[in-house]
Amino acid sequence: MRRLLEWTVLVPVLAIVALALTWGSHAGPVVVGVVAVLLAGAVLAAVHHAEVVAHRVGEPFGSLVLAVAVTVIEVALIVTLMISGGPGSATLARDTVFAAVMLTTTGIVGLSLLLGARRFGMTVFNAEGSGAALATVTTLATLSLVLPTFTTSQPGPEFSPGQLTFAALASLALYGMFVLTQTVRHRDFFLPVAQQGAPSEDDHASPPTTRAALTSLGLLLVALVAVVGLAKIESPAIEDGVRLAGFPPSFVGVVIAMLVLAPETLAAVRAARRGRLQISLNLAYGSAMASIGLTIPTIALASVWLEGPLVLGLGATQMVLLALTVVVSVLTVVPGRATRLQGGVHLVLLAAFVFLAISP
């Protein structure tokens, strides 16, 4: 009974009830405020349950569970919004995926590096695993978001049906190979590296029981559904706020990506503060990879019945930011250690992305 009254159990349930009651209705100011509070609570609950599951299954499976779970629901949200149509639906997949890539590779990585280095002076991680993840993210982003701008079979920054099919199959193949490498072939590349001065209480803590882990897994999925669903309910208010602020409509995708990635961000920050930076990088690059590797195939399948164009190609400014992010990320990952400077550089790139999204 006491377990049922814990906030980590109550909040996801209340959030999913609120989602069911408000779905498809016009939310007034009071409802929007209540939804925002439950959304924040669901994010915190999701982080808690993800850590319970991660403690039971170990790394890198724990990071993989959270990254894939969030991305699957994010993809469902993108498809739902595209089906509903409206302005910006043609570029919604591109804007959301690119925002997710930039938020993870600059925001989550930069914040984790900065906080980890601030506490321990020098953060350490596995360059082999992080480098492999970064290489996969770079390839996926180039194939899916850069090439459509330069192909000539279709007018505009779009793929032809055949090209979209190839990109979808290539994305699935790359993501599948990476997951196999991460969890089977070279799992040791993605395990945390011992950080001097880091507390070791997590290593000696007893893992949760199978029943507790399964309960947390179920509540994690409930919380993530609530996060994405409530974010969709909040999206009209977000769109109104973006319009009133004079920001471009594409900035809505950035805001929604921030909300959806909030659980991973908090989990990555907490791991970095405990001296387990490899978990933070697993979450960041794993989320970016899953966002592309699962979204593009799903959109390719959905395009069979979706009406209107599907714009995937990035603009010139976005491609410059992506290229700069890749170069900086390579220089950060290769040594296997980082200081506050690297964290600050990544966060400046995040600030540039957000500023240019507001003022293109």
Protein backbone atom coordinates (compact mmCIF):
# COMPACT_ATOMS: atom_id res chain seq x y z
CA MET A 1 0.00 0.00 0.00
CA ARG A 2 2.83 2.33 0.88
CA ARG A 3 4.41 1.64 -2.52
CA LEU A 4 1.21 2.71 -4.27
CA LEU A 5 1.24 6.06 -2.46
CA GLU A 6 4.75 7.03 -3.57
CA TRP A 7 4.88 10.06 -5.87
CA THR A 8 6.82 8.12 -8.49
CA VAL A 9 3.78 5.86 -8.82
CA LEU A 10 1.02 8.44 -8.38
CA VAL A 11 2.35 11.07 -10.77
CA PRO A 12 2.53 8.86 -13.91
CA VAL A 13 -0.96 7.54 -13.18
CA LEU A 14 -2.37 11.05 -12.66
CA ALA A 15 -0.59 12.25 -15.79
CA ILE A 16 -2.05 9.47 -17.92
CA VAL A 17 -5.52 10.15 -16.48
CA ALA A 18 -5.14 13.85 -17.33
CA LEU A 19 -4.01 12.86 -20.81
CA ALA A 20 -7.12 10.72 -21.30
CA LEU A 21 -9.43 13.49 -20.02
CA THR A 22 -7.90 16.30 -22.09
CA TRP A 23 -7.02 14.49 -25.33
CA GLY A 24 -8.76 16.05 -28.30
CA SER A 25 -10.32 18.89 -26.29
CA HIS A 26 -9.50 22.60 -26.25
CA ALA A 27 -7.45 23.28 -23.13
CA GLY A 28 -8.04 26.54 -21.27
CA PRO A 29 -5.40 28.42 -19.27
CA VAL A 30 -6.09 26.52 -16.03
CA VAL A 31 -5.92 23.14 -17.77
CA VAL A 32 -2.72 24.15 -19.55
CA GLY A 33 -1.18 25.04 -16.18
CA VAL A 34 -2.21 21.75 -14.57
CA VAL A 35 -0.94 19.81 -17.59
CA ALA A 36 2.41 21.63 -17.37
CA VAL A 37 2.81 20.62 -13.70
CA LEU A 38 1.94 16.99 -14.42
CA LEU A 39 4.28 17.04 -17.42
CA ALA A 40 7.18 18.11 -15.23
CA GLY A 41 6.29 15.48 -12.63
CA ALA A 42 6.07 12.77 -15.29
CA VAL A 43 9.56 13.70 -16.53
CA LEU A 44 11.02 13.34 -13.02
CA ALA A 45 9.17 10.05 -12.48
CA ALA A 46 10.46 8.71 -15.81
CA VAL A 47 14.05 9.46 -14.78
CA HIS A 48 13.56 7.65 -11.46
CA HIS A 49 12.10 4.52 -13.04
CA ALA A 50 14.72 4.52 -15.81
CA GLU A 51 17.46 4.46 -13.17
CA VAL A 52 15.77 1.57 -11.37
CA VAL A 53 15.60 -0.43 -14.61
CA ALA A 54 19.19 0.51 -15.49
CA HIS A 55 20.41 -0.64 -12.08
CA ARG A 56 18.73 -4.01 -12.58
CA VAL A 57 19.80 -4.74 -16.17
CA GLY A 58 23.14 -2.91 -16.03
CA GLU A 59 24.86 -0.83 -18.66
CA PRO A 60 24.58 -0.26 -21.54
CA PHE A 61 21.11 -1.84 -21.51
CA GLY A 62 19.75 0.75 -19.09
CA SER A 63 20.65 3.68 -21.34
CA LEU A 64 19.31 1.78 -24.36
CA VAL A 65 15.93 1.19 -22.68
CA LEU A 66 15.40 4.88 -21.94
CA ALA A 67 16.65 6.11 -25.33
CA VAL A 68 14.55 3.69 -27.38
CA ALA A 69 11.43 4.10 -25.24
CA VAL A 70 11.49 7.88 -25.55
CA THR A 71 12.24 7.78 -29.27
CA VAL A 72 9.48 5.30 -30.11
CA ILE A 73 6.91 7.54 -28.46
CA GLU A 74 8.50 10.64 -30.04
CA VAL A 75 8.11 9.04 -33.48
CA ALA A 76 4.44 8.31 -32.72
CA LEU A 77 3.99 11.98 -31.79
CA ILE A 78 5.62 13.18 -35.03
CA VAL A 79 3.43 10.91 -37.17
CA THR A 80 0.30 12.00 -35.26
CA LEU A 81 1.08 15.68 -35.79
CA MET A 82 1.89 15.12 -39.47
CA ILE A 83 -1.38 13.28 -40.03
CA SER A 84 -3.30 16.16 -38.44
CA GLY A 85 -1.71 18.45 -41.03
CA GLY A 86 -1.46 22.20 -40.60
CA PRO A 87 1.32 24.69 -41.31
CA GLY A 88 4.80 23.30 -40.94
CA SER A 89 3.75 19.64 -41.16
CA ALA A 90 5.90 19.09 -44.28
CA THR A 91 9.07 19.99 -42.36
CA LEU A 92 7.98 18.72 -38.93
CA ALA A 93 9.98 15.47 -39.10
CA ARG A 94 13.12 17.30 -40.26
CA ASP A 95 12.84 20.07 -37.67
CA THR A 96 12.15 17.68 -34.79
CA VAL A 97 14.87 15.18 -35.71
CA PHE A 98 17.48 17.89 -36.29
CA ALA A 99 16.53 19.56 -33.02
CA ALA A 100 16.89 16.21 -31.24
CA VAL A 101 20.33 15.67 -32.78
CA MET A 102 21.57 19.12 -31.79
CA LEU A 103 20.05 19.02 -28.32
CA THR A 104 21.66 15.67 -27.56
CA THR A 105 25.09 16.14 -29.17
CA THR A 106 25.60 19.69 -27.90
CA GLY A 107 23.18 20.16 -24.99
CA ILE A 108 23.21 16.83 -23.14
CA VAL A 109 26.87 16.17 -23.95
CA GLY A 110 27.96 19.72 -23.08
CA LEU A 111 26.03 19.88 -19.81
CA SER A 112 27.29 16.45 -18.75
CA LEU A 113 30.91 17.33 -19.56
CA LEU A 114 30.69 20.66 -17.76
CA LEU A 115 29.08 19.31 -14.59
CA GLY A 116 31.31 16.24 -14.50
CA ALA A 117 34.49 18.28 -14.99
CA ARG A 118 33.32 20.86 -12.46
CA ARG A 119 33.09 18.17 -9.80
CA PHE A 120 36.03 15.93 -10.69
CA GLY A 121 38.34 18.28 -12.60
CA MET A 122 38.74 15.89 -15.53
CA THR A 123 36.03 13.57 -16.79
CA VAL A 124 36.93 10.22 -18.37
CA PHE A 125 35.01 7.96 -20.72
CA ASN A 126 35.53 5.19 -23.26
CA ALA A 127 36.67 6.70 -26.56
CA GLU A 128 36.03 3.48 -28.53
CA GLY A 129 32.35 3.29 -27.64
CA SER A 130 31.64 7.01 -27.82
CA GLY A 131 33.54 7.29 -31.11
CA ALA A 132 31.56 4.43 -32.65
CA ALA A 133 28.30 6.05 -31.52
CA LEU A 134 29.33 9.44 -32.90
CA ALA A 135 30.33 7.92 -36.25
CA THR A 136 26.93 6.23 -36.53
CA VAL A 137 25.07 9.44 -35.64
CA THR A 138 27.08 11.40 -38.21
CA THR A 139 26.39 8.87 -40.97
CA LEU A 140 22.67 8.71 -40.16
CA ALA A 141 22.34 12.50 -40.07
CA THR A 142 24.19 12.94 -43.37
CA LEU A 143 22.24 10.25 -45.22
CA SER A 144 18.84 11.37 -43.93
CA LEU A 145 19.10 15.13 -43.45
CA VAL A 146 21.92 16.44 -45.68
CA LEU A 147 21.69 14.42 -48.89
CA PRO A 148 18.04 15.38 -49.66
CA THR A 149 19.21 18.97 -50.16
CA PHE A 150 21.54 17.89 -52.99
CA THR A 151 19.66 15.09 -54.74
CA THR A 152 18.09 15.98 -58.10
CA SER A 153 15.46 13.27 -58.64
CA GLN A 154 12.86 15.29 -56.75
CA PRO A 155 12.39 19.08 -56.79
CA GLY A 156 13.31 20.79 -53.55
CA PRO A 157 15.04 19.28 -50.51
CA GLU A 158 13.11 16.01 -50.79
CA PHE A 159 13.88 12.38 -51.48
CA SER A 160 12.25 10.48 -54.30
CA PRO A 161 10.30 7.39 -53.15
CA GLY A 162 13.21 5.12 -54.06
CA GLN A 163 15.74 7.32 -52.27
CA LEU A 164 13.53 7.52 -49.18
CA THR A 165 13.27 3.72 -49.13
CA PHE A 166 17.05 3.41 -49.35
CA ALA A 167 17.55 5.94 -46.53
CA ALA A 168 15.02 4.08 -44.36
CA LEU A 169 16.67 0.68 -44.91
CA ALA A 170 20.15 2.13 -44.37
CA SER A 171 18.99 3.79 -41.13
CA LEU A 172 17.54 0.54 -39.81
CA ALA A 173 20.67 -1.40 -40.78
CA LEU A 174 23.02 1.08 -39.10
CA TYR A 175 20.95 1.29 -35.95
CA GLY A 176 20.63 -2.50 -35.75
CA MET A 177 24.39 -2.97 -36.18
CA PHE A 178 25.11 -0.40 -33.50
CA VAL A 179 22.73 -1.99 -30.98
CA LEU A 180 24.35 -5.38 -31.65
CA THR A 181 27.79 -3.87 -31.11
CA GLN A 182 26.70 -2.03 -27.97
CA THR A 183 24.95 -4.92 -26.26
CA VAL A 184 26.72 -8.07 -27.53
CA ARG A 185 29.91 -7.82 -29.55
CA HIS A 186 31.73 -4.99 -27.76
CA ARG A 187 29.63 -4.24 -24.72
CA ASP A 188 32.76 -3.31 -22.73
CA PHE A 189 33.24 -0.26 -24.98
CA PHE A 190 30.10 1.29 -23.48
CA LEU A 191 30.63 0.55 -19.79
CA PRO A 192 31.50 3.41 -17.39
CA VAL A 193 35.18 4.15 -16.85
CA ALA A 194 36.40 4.45 -13.24
CA GLN A 195 36.44 8.12 -12.29
CA GLN A 196 38.95 9.16 -9.65
CA GLY A 197 37.14 10.70 -6.69
CA ALA A 198 33.71 9.45 -7.73
CA PRO A 199 31.50 7.93 -5.02
CA SER A 200 31.22 4.16 -5.19
CA GLU A 201 27.98 3.60 -3.31
CA ASP A 202 26.14 2.72 -6.51
CA ASP A 203 28.52 -0.17 -7.13
CA HIS A 204 27.71 -1.71 -3.74
CA ALA A 205 24.00 -1.03 -3.68
CA SER A 206 21.85 -4.12 -4.08
CA PRO A 207 20.03 -4.21 -7.43
CA PRO A 208 16.23 -4.09 -7.28
CA THR A 209 14.25 -7.31 -7.49
CA THR A 210 12.91 -8.52 -10.83
CA ARG A 211 9.39 -7.60 -9.73
CA ALA A 212 10.45 -4.07 -8.77
CA ALA A 213 12.32 -3.66 -12.06
CA LEU A 214 9.34 -4.83 -14.12
CA THR A 215 7.06 -2.49 -12.17
CA SER A 216 9.42 0.41 -12.85
CA LEU A 217 9.61 -0.56 -16.53
CA GLY A 218 5.82 -0.41 -16.79
CA LEU A 219 5.66 2.91 -14.94
CA LEU A 220 8.50 4.23 -17.14
CA LEU A 221 6.47 3.51 -20.26
CA VAL A 222 3.38 5.08 -18.69
CA ALA A 223 5.37 8.19 -17.73
CA LEU A 224 6.90 8.50 -21.20
CA VAL A 225 3.51 8.15 -22.90
CA ALA A 226 2.23 10.86 -20.58
CA VAL A 227 5.23 13.12 -21.30
CA VAL A 228 4.78 12.97 -25.07
CA GLY A 229 0.98 13.05 -24.95
CA LEU A 230 0.88 16.01 -22.58
CA ALA A 231 3.52 17.74 -24.72
CA LYS A 232 1.14 17.39 -27.66
CA ILE A 233 -1.68 18.88 -25.57
CA GLU A 234 0.62 21.75 -24.64
CA SER A 235 1.65 22.25 -28.29
CA PRO A 236 -1.21 24.69 -29.15
CA ALA A 237 -0.18 26.87 -26.21
CA ILE A 238 3.43 26.53 -27.30
CA GLU A 239 2.51 27.48 -30.87
CA ASP A 240 0.61 30.52 -29.62
CA GLY A 241 3.56 31.54 -27.46
CA VAL A 242 6.01 31.09 -30.32
CA ARG A 243 3.78 33.13 -32.65
CA LEU A 244 3.29 35.91 -30.09
CA ALA A 245 7.04 36.03 -29.50
CA GLY A 246 7.60 36.45 -33.22
CA PHE A 247 9.65 33.25 -33.56
CA PRO A 248 9.53 31.09 -36.73
CA PRO A 249 6.96 28.24 -36.69
CA SER A 250 9.81 25.71 -36.91
CA PHE A 251 10.83 26.68 -33.37
CA VAL A 252 7.81 24.72 -32.10
CA GLY A 253 9.69 21.56 -33.05
CA VAL A 254 12.64 22.71 -30.94
CA VAL A 255 10.44 23.28 -27.89
CA ILE A 256 8.69 19.92 -28.25
CA ALA A 257 12.06 18.18 -28.68
CA MET A 258 13.24 19.82 -25.46
CA LEU A 259 10.20 18.50 -23.60
CA VAL A 260 10.51 15.00 -25.02
CA LEU A 261 14.26 14.82 -24.28
CA ALA A 262 13.88 16.11 -20.71
CA PRO A 263 14.01 12.61 -19.12
CA GLU A 264 17.25 11.74 -20.89
CA THR A 265 18.75 15.12 -20.03
CA LEU A 266 18.07 14.74 -16.30
CA ALA A 267 19.28 11.13 -16.29
CA ALA A 268 22.49 12.11 -18.12
CA VAL A 269 23.19 15.00 -15.76
CA ARG A 270 22.71 12.82 -12.68
CA ALA A 271 25.05 10.19 -14.12
CA ALA A 272 27.72 12.80 -14.90
CA ARG A 273 27.57 14.19 -11.36
CA ARG A 274 28.21 10.67 -10.05
CA GLY A 275 31.31 10.32 -12.22
CA ARG A 276 29.66 7.98 -14.74
CA LEU A 277 30.07 10.11 -17.84
CA GLN A 278 29.97 7.12 -20.19
CA ILE A 279 26.31 6.63 -19.25
CA SER A 280 25.66 10.28 -20.14
CA LEU A 281 27.29 9.84 -23.54
CA ASN A 282 25.42 6.58 -24.11
CA LEU A 283 22.17 8.43 -23.47
CA ALA A 284 23.08 11.42 -25.63
CA TYR A 285 24.38 9.63 -28.71
CA GLY A 286 21.93 6.76 -28.29
CA SER A 287 19.00 9.18 -28.29
CA ALA A 288 20.31 11.03 -31.35
CA MET A 289 20.86 7.75 -33.16
CA ALA A 290 17.46 6.34 -32.26
CA SER A 291 15.76 9.60 -33.19
CA ILE A 292 17.06 9.32 -36.76
CA GLY A 293 17.27 5.55 -37.10
CA LEU A 294 13.67 4.98 -36.01
CA THR A 295 12.01 8.17 -37.29
CA ILE A 296 13.11 8.01 -40.93
CA PRO A 297 11.91 4.41 -41.52
CA THR A 298 8.61 5.17 -39.81
CA ILE A 299 8.09 8.35 -41.82
CA ALA A 300 9.01 6.48 -45.00
CA LEU A 301 6.31 3.91 -44.22
CA ALA A 302 3.78 6.57 -43.22
CA SER A 303 4.44 8.56 -46.41
CA VAL A 304 2.43 5.92 -48.28
CA TRP A 305 -0.77 7.47 -46.92
CA LEU A 306 0.43 10.90 -45.80
CA GLU A 307 -0.54 13.70 -48.17
CA GLY A 308 1.71 16.56 -49.15
CA PRO A 309 5.49 16.86 -49.48
CA LEU A 310 8.01 15.46 -47.01
CA VAL A 311 10.89 17.92 -46.65
CA LEU A 312 13.93 16.31 -45.03
CA GLY A 313 16.85 18.36 -46.40
CA LEU A 314 18.52 20.87 -44.09
CA GLY A 315 19.17 24.48 -45.00
CA ALA A 316 22.65 25.96 -45.35
CA THR A 317 22.78 27.34 -41.81
CA GLN A 318 21.67 24.04 -40.31
CA MET A 319 24.26 22.10 -42.30
CA VAL A 320 27.04 24.41 -41.11
CA LEU A 321 25.94 23.89 -37.50
CA LEU A 322 25.80 20.13 -38.00
CA ALA A 323 29.26 20.03 -39.59
CA LEU A 324 30.76 22.17 -36.81
CA THR A 325 29.11 19.98 -34.18
CA VAL A 326 30.57 16.83 -35.74
CA VAL A 327 34.09 18.30 -35.87
CA VAL A 328 33.94 19.51 -32.26
CA SER A 329 32.45 16.21 -31.10
CA VAL A 330 35.25 14.22 -32.74
CA LEU A 331 37.87 16.38 -31.03
CA THR A 332 36.06 15.89 -27.72
CA VAL A 333 35.60 12.12 -27.99
CA VAL A 334 39.00 11.02 -29.37
CA PRO A 335 41.11 11.69 -26.22
CA GLY A 336 38.72 9.80 -23.92
CA ARG A 337 38.77 12.60 -21.38
CA ALA A 338 37.48 16.16 -21.22
CA THR A 339 37.56 19.34 -19.15
CA ARG A 340 35.13 22.18 -18.57
CA LEU A 341 36.34 23.81 -21.78
CA GLN A 342 34.94 21.05 -23.97
CA GLY A 343 31.66 21.24 -22.10
CA GLY A 344 31.55 24.99 -22.60
CA VAL A 345 32.27 24.67 -26.34
CA HIS A 346 29.38 22.24 -26.79
CA LEU A 347 27.01 24.49 -24.84
CA VAL A 348 28.00 27.50 -26.98
CA LEU A 349 27.07 25.43 -30.04
CA LEU A 350 23.72 24.67 -28.40
CA ALA A 351 23.19 28.38 -27.76
CA ALA A 352 24.03 29.12 -31.42
CA PHE A 353 21.53 26.50 -32.58
CA VAL A 354 18.73 27.87 -30.39
CA PHE A 355 19.51 31.50 -31.28
CA LEU A 356 19.58 30.80 -35.02
CA ALA A 357 16.40 28.76 -34.73
CA ILE A 358 14.78 31.88 -33.23
CA SER A 359 16.48 34.35 -35.55
CA PRO A 360 17.39 32.55 -38.81
